[in-house]
């Protein structure tokens, strides 16, 4: 018997991936779905015939059979769904970014905490194998002193192919790769090193006044440890992310899809090579973390306060402001 009967709001690329992942996990059963896009609902129903399509988001959240709401919708919609979940006293599992408007998000964090609503904000590195391994090596001192962190992101197009129907992702109002991708790595850096501040940031935008950023260069300071960011979309070349934590004894590099390599001064050596697909493994580990958090377990997963802290840094980076 599953632990959580899930209602799912948002059936774009992320929502469909989560639907498939929850279908594989023994603790979750998705029974109700809803999206503004009727074609997306119909496509999911064709693949999973037992689902019910809700009349609207409030109908889903208020359904008494649901004991977890998963949200994969544009960030400006998260506030209303959280408030409805508070009213219905139902836990929330919400994709990042937590929000875009700083004042609204600050107020929402207070409301969530006052209501003591069980919730998780979904950053990739909450319980991922590679990031958890780095954290353990860092806490144990095996890496030595961390002297710097580098993040490099390259995309040939934005939004990516699997996201192309979500046109809002390509607009600066709510979208952009800084919010959608870099936020995962800022969350991990903050989790390892604590709060950080922006030393320098420069984002480049198209001249149409609508489209999201094409390039971002930044330097941040985390308690004396610098984080250097280079991110860009466009141009031929490999697509993906490299995130390197430089230790004076041992360094680690996380790659797209969850792959992890280490170096003690020589060439990078890939770790956990016995796992055929670390990405799939990590997504199941994320769901393990959700179960642990909602059941009062010890797996560390991001909450609204974490999401808001990352949001503040992201929004400051996008306007080139120190924070």
Protein backbone atom coordinates (compact mmCIF):
# COMPACT_ATOMS: atom_id res chain seq x y z
CA UNK A 1 0.00 0.00 0.00
CA UNK A 2 1.37 3.41 -0.95
CA UNK A 3 2.02 6.08 1.67
CA UNK A 4 0.99 9.08 -0.42
CA UNK A 5 -1.95 9.56 -2.75
CA UNK A 6 -0.86 12.45 -4.96
CA UNK A 7 -2.67 15.17 -6.80
CA UNK A 8 -0.49 16.69 -9.52
CA UNK A 9 -0.74 20.28 -10.78
CA UNK A 10 1.25 21.07 -13.92
CA UNK A 11 1.87 18.52 -16.67
CA UNK A 12 4.69 20.05 -18.68
CA UNK A 13 8.10 18.44 -19.04
CA UNK A 14 8.82 18.35 -15.30
CA UNK A 15 5.32 17.22 -14.35
CA UNK A 16 5.33 14.38 -16.85
CA UNK A 17 8.75 13.23 -15.66
CA UNK A 18 7.60 13.29 -12.05
CA UNK A 19 4.44 11.37 -12.97
CA UNK A 20 6.60 8.61 -14.46
CA UNK A 21 8.99 8.64 -11.48
CA UNK A 22 6.16 8.42 -8.95
CA UNK A 23 4.64 5.58 -10.95
CA UNK A 24 7.86 3.62 -10.33
CA UNK A 25 8.14 4.43 -6.61
CA UNK A 26 6.42 2.13 -4.13
CA UNK A 27 5.39 4.96 -1.77
CA UNK A 28 3.46 7.11 -4.28
CA UNK A 29 0.25 6.79 -6.25
CA UNK A 30 -0.87 9.68 -8.48
CA UNK A 31 -4.66 9.65 -8.78
CA UNK A 32 -5.69 13.20 -9.79
CA UNK A 33 -4.09 15.58 -12.29
CA UNK A 34 -4.75 19.08 -13.58
CA UNK A 35 -3.21 21.50 -16.03
CA UNK A 36 -4.48 24.55 -17.92
CA UNK A 37 -3.55 22.67 -21.09
CA UNK A 38 -6.29 20.16 -21.83
CA UNK A 39 -4.10 18.34 -24.37
CA UNK A 40 -1.48 17.71 -21.68
CA UNK A 41 -4.15 16.25 -19.40
CA UNK A 42 -5.46 14.05 -22.19
CA UNK A 43 -1.97 12.79 -23.03
CA UNK A 44 -1.32 11.78 -19.42
CA UNK A 45 -4.72 10.13 -19.16
CA UNK A 46 -3.99 8.09 -22.28
CA UNK A 47 -0.76 6.83 -20.72
CA UNK A 48 -2.22 6.30 -17.23
CA UNK A 49 -5.94 5.50 -17.74
CA UNK A 50 -6.79 5.36 -14.03
CA UNK A 51 -6.20 9.07 -13.46
CA UNK A 52 -8.96 11.59 -12.80
CA UNK A 53 -8.70 15.05 -14.37
CA UNK A 54 -9.74 17.65 -11.81
CA UNK A 55 -12.05 20.54 -12.69
CA UNK A 56 -9.39 23.01 -11.55
CA UNK A 57 -6.51 23.28 -9.11
CA UNK A 58 -8.73 24.03 -6.12
CA UNK A 59 -10.87 20.96 -6.88
CA UNK A 60 -7.71 18.85 -6.80
CA UNK A 61 -6.31 20.33 -3.58
CA UNK A 62 -9.66 20.00 -1.78
CA UNK A 63 -10.17 16.36 -2.76
CA UNK A 64 -10.31 14.41 0.53
CA UNK A 65 -8.52 11.38 -0.96
CA UNK A 66 -5.34 13.41 -1.59
CA UNK A 67 -2.63 13.56 1.07
CA UNK A 68 0.10 15.20 -1.03
CA UNK A 69 -0.05 17.90 -3.74
CA UNK A 70 2.79 18.10 -6.25
CA UNK A 71 3.15 21.37 -8.17
CA UNK A 72 5.15 21.89 -11.39
CA UNK A 73 3.76 25.18 -12.64
CA UNK A 74 5.18 28.68 -13.33
CA UNK A 75 6.57 30.24 -10.13
CA UNK A 76 4.04 33.08 -9.94
CA UNK A 77 1.31 30.47 -9.43
CA UNK A 78 2.97 28.80 -6.44
CA UNK A 79 1.69 31.27 -3.87
CA UNK A 80 -2.00 30.62 -4.54
CA UNK A 81 -1.48 26.85 -4.51
CA UNK A 82 0.39 27.02 -1.21
CA UNK A 83 -2.38 29.14 0.34
CA UNK A 84 -5.02 26.67 -0.86
CA UNK A 85 -2.95 23.81 0.56
CA UNK A 86 -2.70 25.61 3.90
CA UNK A 87 -6.49 26.02 3.93
CA UNK A 88 -6.96 22.34 3.09
CA UNK A 89 -4.17 21.25 5.49
CA UNK A 90 -2.53 19.09 2.83
CA UNK A 91 1.27 18.75 2.38
CA UNK A 92 2.94 20.30 -0.67
CA UNK A 93 5.84 19.13 -2.84
CA UNK A 94 6.67 22.10 -5.08
CA UNK A 95 9.18 22.63 -7.87
CA UNK A 96 11.63 25.47 -7.61
CA UNK A 97 11.89 28.39 -8.02
CA UNK A 98 9.87 29.12 -4.90
CA UNK A 99 8.72 32.39 -6.45
CA UNK A 100 9.80 35.53 -8.29
CA UNK A 101 8.35 38.43 -6.27
CA UNK A 102 10.47 38.92 -3.15
CA UNK A 103 7.83 40.57 -0.94
CA UNK A 104 5.16 38.00 -1.81
CA UNK A 105 7.54 35.10 -1.17
CA UNK A 106 8.67 36.51 2.17
CA UNK A 107 5.05 36.74 3.27
CA UNK A 108 4.37 33.23 1.98
CA UNK A 109 7.26 31.75 3.97
CA UNK A 110 5.77 33.29 7.11
CA UNK A 111 2.31 31.88 6.33
CA UNK A 112 3.70 28.39 5.63
CA UNK A 113 5.71 28.39 8.85
CA UNK A 114 2.82 29.76 10.92
CA UNK A 115 0.54 27.02 9.56
CA UNK A 116 3.25 24.40 10.13
CA UNK A 117 2.45 23.01 6.68
CA UNK A 118 4.56 19.95 5.79
CA UNK A 119 6.28 20.79 2.51
CA UNK A 120 9.34 20.31 0.31
CA UNK A 121 10.83 22.54 -2.39
CA UNK A 122 12.30 20.35 -5.11
CA UNK A 123 15.95 21.14 -5.70
CA UNK A 124 17.82 18.35 -7.49
CA UNK A 125 20.48 18.12 -4.82
CA UNK A 126 18.29 17.46 -1.81
CA UNK A 127 19.10 13.75 -1.73
CA UNK A 128 21.05 13.13 -4.95
CA UNK A 129 23.89 10.61 -4.73
CA UNK A 130 26.67 12.87 -6.00
CA UNK A 131 25.83 15.94 -3.96
CA UNK A 132 25.24 13.86 -0.83
CA UNK A 133 28.63 12.21 -1.35
CA UNK A 134 30.35 15.59 -1.72
CA UNK A 135 28.61 16.86 1.40
CA UNK A 136 29.76 13.81 3.39
CA UNK A 137 33.34 14.22 2.15
CA UNK A 138 33.24 17.92 2.98
CA UNK A 139 31.82 17.43 6.49
CA UNK A 140 34.32 14.66 7.27
CA UNK A 141 37.27 16.85 6.26
CA UNK A 142 38.48 14.35 3.65
CA UNK A 143 38.47 17.07 0.99
CA UNK A 144 40.58 19.34 3.11
CA UNK A 145 39.90 23.05 2.95
CA UNK A 146 37.52 24.14 0.18
CA UNK A 147 39.24 26.94 -1.73
CA UNK A 148 36.67 27.66 -4.45
CA UNK A 149 33.66 26.53 -6.45
CA UNK A 150 33.08 26.82 -10.20
CA UNK A 151 29.81 26.46 -12.12
CA UNK A 152 29.72 26.32 -15.92
CA UNK A 153 26.46 25.93 -17.89
CA UNK A 154 26.13 25.75 -21.67
CA UNK A 155 22.87 25.29 -23.60
CA UNK A 156 22.45 25.41 -27.36
CA UNK A 157 18.86 26.53 -26.91
CA UNK A 158 16.54 27.78 -24.20
CA UNK A 159 14.02 26.47 -23.34
CA UNK A 160 15.39 22.98 -23.94
CA UNK A 161 13.62 20.62 -26.31
CA UNK A 162 11.57 18.85 -23.64
CA UNK A 163 10.42 22.24 -22.30
CA UNK A 164 9.52 23.94 -25.59
CA UNK A 165 5.76 23.93 -24.99
CA UNK A 166 6.29 25.97 -21.80
CA UNK A 167 6.82 29.29 -23.58
CA UNK A 168 6.97 31.21 -20.28
CA UNK A 169 10.37 29.61 -19.63
CA UNK A 170 11.83 31.71 -22.42
CA UNK A 171 10.51 34.97 -20.97
CA UNK A 172 12.29 37.08 -18.37
CA UNK A 173 9.15 37.66 -16.27
CA UNK A 174 9.21 34.17 -14.72
CA UNK A 175 11.59 32.05 -16.77
CA UNK A 176 15.21 31.84 -17.84
CA UNK A 177 17.92 29.27 -17.18
CA UNK A 178 19.23 31.18 -14.16
CA UNK A 179 16.01 30.52 -12.24
CA UNK A 180 15.44 27.05 -13.66
CA UNK A 181 18.95 25.58 -13.65
CA UNK A 182 21.40 27.70 -11.68
CA UNK A 183 19.13 27.72 -8.63
CA UNK A 184 19.88 24.00 -8.08
CA UNK A 185 23.60 24.75 -7.84
CA UNK A 186 23.17 27.79 -5.62
CA UNK A 187 21.09 25.65 -3.29
CA UNK A 188 23.90 23.07 -3.13
CA UNK A 189 26.60 25.71 -2.57
CA UNK A 190 24.59 27.30 0.22
CA UNK A 191 23.95 23.87 1.75
CA UNK A 192 27.69 23.17 1.80
CA UNK A 193 29.04 26.60 2.75
CA UNK A 194 26.20 28.56 4.33
CA UNK A 195 24.86 31.96 3.30
CA UNK A 196 26.56 33.80 0.48
CA UNK A 197 26.70 37.28 -0.99
CA UNK A 198 27.11 38.55 -4.54
CA UNK A 199 30.41 40.21 -5.36
CA UNK A 200 29.70 40.80 -9.04
CA UNK A 201 26.94 39.87 -11.51
CA UNK A 202 26.21 40.66 -15.13
CA UNK A 203 23.27 39.21 -17.08
CA UNK A 204 22.84 39.75 -20.83
CA UNK A 205 19.36 40.00 -22.37
CA UNK A 206 17.96 40.26 -25.91
CA UNK A 207 16.76 43.72 -26.88
CA UNK A 208 13.09 42.69 -27.26
CA UNK A 209 12.36 43.42 -23.59
CA UNK A 210 10.60 40.07 -23.20
CA UNK A 211 13.03 37.19 -23.69
CA UNK A 212 15.03 35.76 -20.82
CA UNK A 213 18.77 36.09 -20.32
CA UNK A 214 21.26 34.59 -22.77
CA UNK A 215 24.42 34.91 -20.64
CA UNK A 216 25.30 35.26 -16.97
CA UNK A 217 28.69 35.88 -15.41
CA UNK A 218 28.99 36.25 -11.65
CA UNK A 219 31.17 35.88 -8.59
CA UNK A 220 29.75 35.19 -5.14
CA UNK A 221 31.37 34.88 -1.73
CA UNK A 222 30.42 32.12 0.71
CA UNK A 223 32.27 32.84 3.92
CA UNK A 224 35.51 33.56 2.10
CA UNK A 225 35.07 30.82 -0.51
CA UNK A 226 34.46 32.24 -4.00
CA UNK A 227 31.86 30.80 -6.37
CA UNK A 228 32.46 31.64 -10.02
CA UNK A 229 29.57 31.31 -12.49
CA UNK A 230 29.65 31.25 -16.28
CA UNK A 231 26.40 30.40 -18.02
CA UNK A 232 25.32 30.85 -21.62
CA UNK A 233 22.83 29.70 -24.21
CA UNK A 234 23.49 29.53 -27.94
CA UNK A 235 26.39 28.25 -30.04
CA UNK A 236 27.40 24.77 -31.06
CA UNK A 237 29.00 22.61 -28.41
CA UNK A 238 28.35 20.16 -25.60
CA UNK A 239 25.23 20.85 -23.55
CA UNK A 240 25.28 20.57 -19.81
CA UNK A 241 26.63 21.70 -16.46
CA UNK A 242 29.92 21.25 -14.66
CA UNK A 243 30.01 22.10 -10.96
CA UNK A 244 33.40 21.79 -9.29
CA UNK A 245 34.19 22.01 -5.59
CA UNK A 246 37.94 22.55 -5.23
CA UNK A 247 39.44 21.10 -2.04
CA UNK A 248 43.14 21.34 -1.18
CA UNK A 249 43.25 17.55 -0.63
CA UNK A 250 40.55 16.32 -3.01
CA UNK A 251 38.19 17.98 -5.48
CA UNK A 252 34.85 16.85 -6.87
CA UNK A 253 33.06 17.63 -10.10
CA UNK A 254 29.36 17.07 -10.68
CA UNK A 255 28.19 16.76 -14.28
CA UNK A 256 24.78 16.93 -15.91
CA UNK A 257 22.67 13.89 -15.14
CA UNK A 258 24.25 13.39 -11.72
CA UNK A 259 27.60 11.91 -12.77
CA UNK A 260 30.44 12.66 -10.33
CA UNK A 261 34.21 12.67 -10.72
CA UNK A 262 37.05 13.25 -8.26
CA UNK A 263 40.70 14.30 -8.41
CA UNK A 264 43.54 14.27 -5.92
CA UNK A 265 45.75 16.23 -8.29
CA UNK A 266 45.66 14.07 -11.40
CA UNK A 267 43.04 13.35 -14.04
CA UNK A 268 39.37 13.26 -13.12
CA UNK A 269 38.16 9.78 -12.13
CA UNK A 270 34.47 8.95 -12.45
CA UNK A 271 32.85 7.49 -9.34
CA UNK A 272 29.83 5.20 -8.87
CA UNK A 273 30.44 3.62 -12.28
CA UNK A 274 28.36 0.61 -11.26
CA UNK A 275 25.18 2.69 -11.65
CA UNK A 276 23.89 2.53 -15.21
CA UNK A 277 21.75 5.67 -14.95
CA UNK A 278 22.52 7.96 -12.03
CA UNK A 279 19.83 10.43 -13.17
CA UNK A 280 17.01 7.92 -12.73
CA UNK A 281 18.54 6.76 -9.46
CA UNK A 282 18.71 10.35 -8.20
CA UNK A 283 15.08 11.04 -9.04
CA UNK A 284 14.03 8.00 -7.02
CA UNK A 285 16.32 9.15 -4.19
CA UNK A 286 14.52 12.51 -4.32
CA UNK A 287 11.22 10.73 -3.72
CA UNK A 288 12.83 8.76 -0.89
CA UNK A 289 13.73 12.13 0.60
CA UNK A 290 10.16 13.39 0.25
CA UNK A 291 8.88 10.34 2.12
CA UNK A 292 11.48 10.84 4.84
CA UNK A 293 10.71 14.53 5.29
CA UNK A 294 6.93 14.05 5.42
CA UNK A 295 7.30 11.15 7.85
CA UNK A 296 9.65 13.10 10.13
CA UNK A 297 12.80 11.30 8.97
CA UNK A 298 16.37 12.53 8.81
CA UNK A 299 16.95 13.05 5.07
CA UNK A 300 17.66 16.74 4.49
CA UNK A 301 15.31 18.26 1.91
CA UNK A 302 14.78 21.94 1.07
CA UNK A 303 11.95 23.87 2.70
CA UNK A 304 10.33 27.23 1.90
CA UNK A 305 12.99 29.14 3.81
CA UNK A 306 15.70 27.48 1.71
CA UNK A 307 13.75 28.19 -1.46
CA UNK A 308 13.32 31.84 -0.53
CA UNK A 309 17.02 32.26 0.29
CA UNK A 310 17.95 30.92 -3.16
CA UNK A 311 15.25 33.04 -4.80
CA UNK A 312 16.68 36.24 -3.33
CA UNK A 313 20.12 35.43 -4.71
CA UNK A 314 18.76 34.46 -8.14
CA UNK A 315 16.68 37.62 -8.52
CA UNK A 316 19.64 39.77 -7.49
CA UNK A 317 21.89 38.02 -10.02
CA UNK A 318 19.37 38.68 -12.81
CA UNK A 319 19.48 42.42 -12.29
CA UNK A 320 23.23 42.54 -11.60
CA UNK A 321 22.77 43.64 -8.01
CA UNK A 322 24.93 42.79 -5.05
CA UNK A 323 23.12 40.91 -2.30
